[in-house]
Amino acid sequence: MTAPFATALPLADIPHGFFGRRGGVSTGELASLNCGLGSGDDPALIAENRRRVANAVLPGAALTGVYQVHGNRCVVVDETTDLAARPEADALATRTPGIILGILTADCVPVLFADRDASVIGAAHAGWKGALAGITDATLTAMERLGADRANIAAAIGPCIARASYEVDDGFVQRFTGDDPTNERFFAAGKPGHAMFDIAAYVAARLAAAGVTRIAIGGQDTYAEAKDYFSYRRACHKGENSYGRQLSVIGLN
C-alpha cells in the first residue's frame, strides 16, 4: 500500500500527505511513484500512481491539480469545477468535501494549509519565483474568501531542496534582498559569487509575516535523498533524460 513519506502534526486530523518516489509502478529513472503529468512517463503508469496516492489519503475522492507556472495565482475549486481542466495556477483552495488538492514538486516547496474550524483547505507550489511573488499569500487570501480565518490556518511545508544543496549566484540573492533587505538571512556563504539558499525557511517566514502562527517544516532534502525523492536539480546534474515529480495532497472528508 502506498503511504506518504511525511505527514504534518498541525494537519494531523486532516486527510493529507507528502508523498515521495516509492510505492508506485513507474520504472527506470522515474521509478516508482512518479506522478508528474509532464514527465514523459507512460500515462497509464502515472494514472495508477496518482490513483494510489488519492486512495491512500481519501479513498473515493477526486484528485485535482493545476498546470503549474511558477506564478502567484490560486484557484478555488468546488462541486461545479471541471477537476480535469488543470488551469494555469500554482495553488488551489476548497471547502468542498470529496476533493483532493494536489501539488507536484521536484525540489520546489509544497505547502498544505487547513482551517479546521471553517473546513477550508489549500495547497500551494512555491518555487522560488512563486514564493517571491507571493503564492502563499494568494492562497491565504483565497481561503479567507471561502470563510477561513488566517489566525486559525495551519500550514505544513513538505519535502523540498535544502539549503545545503541549493547553490545560487549573487544575482539570485539580489532578487530577494532587493525585495526585502532582511531576506539576506536566508542565504549562507558559498563559493565566490555564490550562496546557499534556504527556501523552506523563506516560505515559512512569508507565512509567519502573513499571520500564520502554526507552521511545520518537514526538513527533508529532495536533492540529497535520492532514494526517497525526485529532484529536478539532481536529474540535471546527473544528465538524466527526464525527472519525476512527487505529489503532495490534502482533502476534506
Protein backbone atom coordinates (compact mmCIF):
# COMPACT_ATOMS: atom_id res chain seq x y z
CA MET A 1 0.00 0.00 0.00
CA THR A 2 1.31 3.42 -0.92
CA ALA A 3 1.81 5.69 2.09
CA PRO A 4 3.13 9.24 2.40
CA PHE A 5 6.73 9.70 3.46
CA ALA A 6 5.68 12.58 5.68
CA THR A 7 2.61 13.97 7.36
CA ALA A 8 2.46 17.14 9.39
CA LEU A 9 1.40 17.41 13.03
CA PRO A 10 -0.51 20.70 12.57
CA LEU A 11 -2.69 18.91 10.00
CA ALA A 12 -2.89 15.61 11.88
CA ASP A 13 -6.69 15.22 11.68
CA ILE A 14 -6.97 16.39 8.05
CA PRO A 15 -6.53 13.81 5.23
CA HIS A 16 -3.21 14.75 3.69
CA GLY A 17 0.25 13.52 2.84
CA PHE A 18 3.61 14.44 1.33
CA PHE A 19 4.48 11.53 -0.94
CA GLY A 20 7.95 10.57 -2.18
CA ARG A 21 9.14 8.41 -5.04
CA ARG A 22 8.48 4.95 -3.52
CA GLY A 23 5.39 2.80 -3.75
CA GLY A 24 4.45 3.16 -7.41
CA VAL A 25 4.68 1.36 -10.74
CA SER A 26 6.98 3.55 -12.88
CA THR A 27 10.39 2.20 -13.84
CA GLY A 28 13.92 3.32 -14.68
CA GLU A 29 14.89 6.91 -13.88
CA LEU A 30 11.27 7.63 -12.99
CA ALA A 31 10.83 4.75 -10.52
CA SER A 32 8.50 4.39 -8.90
CA LEU A 33 5.72 6.72 -7.66
CA ASN A 34 6.15 9.30 -10.40
CA CYS A 35 3.01 11.48 -10.52
CA GLY A 36 4.26 14.10 -12.97
CA LEU A 37 1.94 14.53 -15.94
CA GLY A 38 4.68 16.31 -17.89
CA SER A 39 7.48 13.87 -17.12
CA GLY A 40 7.33 11.83 -20.31
CA ASP A 41 6.37 8.70 -18.38
CA ASP A 42 3.74 6.25 -19.61
CA PRO A 43 0.37 7.97 -18.94
CA ALA A 44 -1.12 4.71 -17.70
CA LEU A 45 1.62 4.35 -15.08
CA ILE A 46 1.22 7.96 -13.97
CA ALA A 47 -2.54 7.45 -13.65
CA GLU A 48 -2.01 4.39 -11.48
CA ASN A 49 0.49 6.22 -9.28
CA ARG A 50 -1.91 9.12 -8.82
CA ARG A 51 -4.75 6.71 -8.04
CA ARG A 52 -2.60 5.11 -5.34
CA VAL A 53 -1.87 8.47 -3.76
CA ALA A 54 -5.52 9.50 -3.75
CA ASN A 55 -6.69 6.19 -2.29
CA ALA A 56 -4.04 6.32 0.42
CA VAL A 57 -5.31 9.70 1.63
CA LEU A 58 -9.05 9.82 0.94
CA PRO A 59 -10.47 6.76 -0.85
CA GLY A 60 -13.18 7.61 -3.33
CA ALA A 61 -12.28 11.30 -3.53
CA ALA A 62 -11.43 13.06 -6.80
CA LEU A 63 -7.84 14.28 -7.24
CA THR A 64 -7.36 17.65 -8.95
CA GLY A 65 -4.41 19.88 -9.72
CA VAL A 66 -3.23 22.79 -11.81
CA TYR A 67 -0.80 23.44 -14.66
CA GLN A 68 1.96 24.96 -12.55
CA VAL A 69 3.64 28.06 -13.98
CA HIS A 70 5.71 29.48 -11.08
CA GLY A 71 3.30 32.34 -10.53
CA ASN A 72 1.06 33.59 -7.75
CA ARG A 73 -2.45 32.57 -8.81
CA CYS A 74 -4.64 30.43 -6.56
CA VAL A 75 -7.82 28.87 -7.96
CA VAL A 76 -10.87 27.89 -5.95
CA VAL A 77 -12.46 24.53 -6.76
CA ASP A 78 -15.86 23.15 -5.78
CA GLU A 79 -18.51 20.68 -6.92
CA THR A 80 -19.06 22.65 -10.15
CA THR A 81 -15.40 22.65 -11.20
CA ASP A 82 -14.05 20.56 -14.06
CA LEU A 83 -11.43 18.78 -11.96
CA ALA A 84 -9.53 17.59 -15.05
CA ALA A 85 -9.11 21.07 -16.53
CA ARG A 86 -5.74 21.98 -14.91
CA PRO A 87 -5.84 25.79 -15.29
CA GLU A 88 -2.58 27.73 -15.16
CA ALA A 89 -2.00 28.44 -11.47
CA ASP A 90 0.21 27.39 -8.59
CA ALA A 91 -2.25 26.87 -5.76
CA LEU A 92 -5.75 25.61 -5.04
CA ALA A 93 -8.29 26.11 -2.26
CA THR A 94 -11.63 24.48 -1.46
CA ARG A 95 -14.27 23.96 1.19
CA THR A 96 -15.90 21.08 -0.71
CA PRO A 97 -15.60 17.57 0.77
CA GLY A 98 -14.56 14.76 -1.54
CA ILE A 99 -11.97 16.75 -3.50
CA ILE A 100 -8.21 16.16 -3.08
CA LEU A 101 -5.98 19.11 -3.91
CA GLY A 102 -2.65 18.02 -5.40
CA ILE A 103 0.64 19.85 -5.93
CA LEU A 104 3.59 18.44 -7.90
CA THR A 105 7.19 19.19 -6.94
CA ALA A 106 10.73 18.08 -7.69
CA ASP A 107 12.74 20.49 -5.46
CA CYS A 108 10.19 23.32 -5.15
CA VAL A 109 8.27 23.74 -1.91
CA PRO A 110 4.88 22.07 -1.43
CA VAL A 111 2.72 23.81 1.18
CA LEU A 112 -0.51 22.39 2.58
CA PHE A 113 -3.00 24.55 4.51
CA ALA A 114 -6.07 23.91 6.64
CA ASP A 115 -8.51 25.82 8.80
CA ARG A 116 -10.25 23.03 10.70
CA ASP A 117 -12.94 25.26 12.17
CA ALA A 118 -14.03 26.61 8.79
CA SER A 119 -13.37 23.33 6.92
CA VAL A 120 -11.29 25.13 4.30
CA ILE A 121 -8.07 23.73 2.84
CA GLY A 122 -5.40 24.84 0.41
CA ALA A 123 -2.30 23.60 -1.39
CA ALA A 124 0.48 25.63 -2.99
CA HIS A 125 3.51 25.03 -5.21
CA ALA A 126 6.19 27.51 -4.16
CA GLY A 127 9.17 27.57 -6.47
CA TRP A 128 11.48 30.49 -5.86
CA LYS A 129 9.66 32.69 -8.38
CA GLY A 130 6.24 31.93 -6.96
CA ALA A 131 7.44 32.22 -3.39
CA LEU A 132 8.90 35.66 -4.06
CA ALA A 133 5.76 36.70 -5.96
CA GLY A 134 3.54 35.74 -3.03
CA ILE A 135 1.89 32.42 -3.90
CA THR A 136 1.38 31.59 -0.22
CA ASP A 137 -0.23 34.99 0.40
CA ALA A 138 -2.57 34.37 -2.53
CA THR A 139 -3.55 31.00 -1.07
CA LEU A 140 -4.37 32.52 2.31
CA THR A 141 -6.49 35.20 0.63
CA ALA A 142 -8.41 32.60 -1.39
CA MET A 143 -9.03 30.55 1.74
CA GLU A 144 -10.34 33.62 3.57
CA ARG A 145 -12.81 34.21 0.76
CA LEU A 146 -14.13 30.72 1.47
CA GLY A 147 -14.63 31.53 5.13
CA ALA A 148 -11.27 30.72 6.67
CA ASP A 149 -9.60 32.88 9.30
CA ARG A 150 -5.84 33.05 8.82
CA ALA A 151 -5.39 33.12 12.58
CA ASN A 152 -6.81 29.58 12.54
CA ILE A 153 -4.91 28.33 9.47
CA ALA A 154 -2.18 25.75 9.98
CA ALA A 155 0.45 25.30 7.27
CA ALA A 156 2.89 22.49 6.57
CA ILE A 157 5.96 22.74 4.36
CA GLY A 158 6.88 19.44 2.75
CA PRO A 159 9.97 17.91 1.15
CA CYS A 160 12.00 20.36 -0.93
CA ILE A 161 15.59 21.16 -1.78
CA ALA A 162 17.50 22.11 1.37
CA ARG A 163 19.97 24.94 1.86
CA ALA A 164 22.96 22.56 1.80
CA SER A 165 22.01 21.55 -1.76
CA TYR A 166 20.66 24.81 -3.16
CA GLU A 167 23.54 26.84 -4.60
CA VAL A 168 22.57 30.14 -6.26
CA ASP A 169 24.51 33.03 -7.73
CA ASP A 170 24.78 36.59 -6.48
CA GLY A 171 22.19 37.81 -8.97
CA PHE A 172 19.68 35.40 -7.45
CA VAL A 173 20.47 36.71 -3.97
CA GLN A 174 19.95 40.28 -5.15
CA ARG A 175 16.42 39.46 -6.38
CA PHE A 176 15.47 38.60 -2.82
CA THR A 177 17.40 41.28 -0.97
CA GLY A 178 16.13 43.86 -3.44
CA ASP A 179 12.59 42.88 -2.50
CA ASP A 180 13.41 42.99 1.24
CA PRO A 181 16.91 43.55 2.66
CA THR A 182 16.13 41.25 5.59
CA ASN A 183 15.94 38.33 3.16
CA GLU A 184 19.71 38.15 3.40
CA ARG A 185 19.20 35.91 6.44
CA PHE A 186 18.03 33.07 4.21
CA PHE A 187 21.40 32.82 2.43
CA ALA A 188 24.60 31.25 3.72
CA ALA A 189 28.05 31.86 2.30
CA GLY A 190 29.06 29.69 -0.64
CA LYS A 191 31.92 29.68 -3.13
CA PRO A 192 32.90 33.08 -4.57
CA GLY A 193 29.97 34.70 -6.32
CA HIS A 194 27.50 32.20 -4.89
CA ALA A 195 25.40 31.47 -1.82
CA MET A 196 23.28 28.66 -0.38
CA PHE A 197 19.54 29.39 -0.21
CA ASP A 198 17.15 28.12 2.47
CA ILE A 199 13.90 28.24 0.51
CA ALA A 200 11.89 26.38 3.16
CA ALA A 201 12.83 28.97 5.77
CA TYR A 202 11.93 31.76 3.37
CA VAL A 203 8.49 30.28 2.72
CA ALA A 204 7.94 29.79 6.45
CA ALA A 205 8.87 33.41 7.12
CA ARG A 206 6.42 34.59 4.45
CA LEU A 207 3.69 32.58 6.12
CA ALA A 208 4.54 33.93 9.56
CA ALA A 209 4.60 37.50 8.28
CA ALA A 210 1.15 36.92 6.78
CA GLY A 211 -0.26 35.94 10.16
CA VAL A 212 0.02 32.15 10.16
CA THR A 213 1.05 31.02 13.65
CA ARG A 214 1.18 27.23 13.22
CA ILE A 215 3.81 26.24 10.68
CA ALA A 216 5.62 22.90 10.34
CA ILE A 217 8.72 22.27 8.20
CA GLY A 218 9.43 18.66 7.28
CA GLY A 219 13.16 19.17 6.80
CA GLN A 220 13.73 16.60 4.03
CA ASP A 221 16.18 17.39 1.22
CA THR A 222 14.84 16.25 -2.14
CA TYR A 223 18.22 16.69 -3.81
CA ALA A 224 20.26 14.71 -1.27
CA GLU A 225 17.72 11.96 -0.52
CA ALA A 226 17.80 10.31 -3.93
CA LYS A 227 16.15 7.04 -2.91
CA ASP A 228 13.15 8.81 -1.44
CA TYR A 229 12.52 11.89 -3.59
CA PHE A 230 12.66 13.14 -7.15
CA SER A 231 14.83 16.19 -7.81
CA TYR A 232 14.99 18.35 -10.91
CA ARG A 233 18.40 19.74 -9.99
CA ARG A 234 19.85 16.31 -9.26
CA ALA A 235 18.50 14.93 -12.55
CA CYS A 236 20.16 17.82 -14.40
CA HIS A 237 23.47 17.30 -12.62
CA LYS A 238 23.38 13.57 -13.43
CA GLY A 239 22.43 14.16 -17.06
CA GLU A 240 19.24 12.14 -16.82
CA ASN A 241 16.77 12.31 -19.69
CA SER A 242 13.78 13.15 -17.52
CA TYR A 243 12.81 13.65 -13.91
CA GLY A 244 9.86 12.52 -11.84
CA ARG A 245 7.57 14.58 -9.65
CA GLN A 246 6.25 13.77 -6.21
CA LEU A 247 2.73 14.63 -5.17
CA SER A 248 1.57 16.43 -2.03
CA VAL A 249 -2.15 16.24 -1.32
CA ILE A 250 -4.86 17.38 1.08
CA GLY A 251 -8.62 16.78 1.17
CA LEU A 252 -11.79 17.08 3.21
CA ASN A 253 -13.99 14.14 4.15
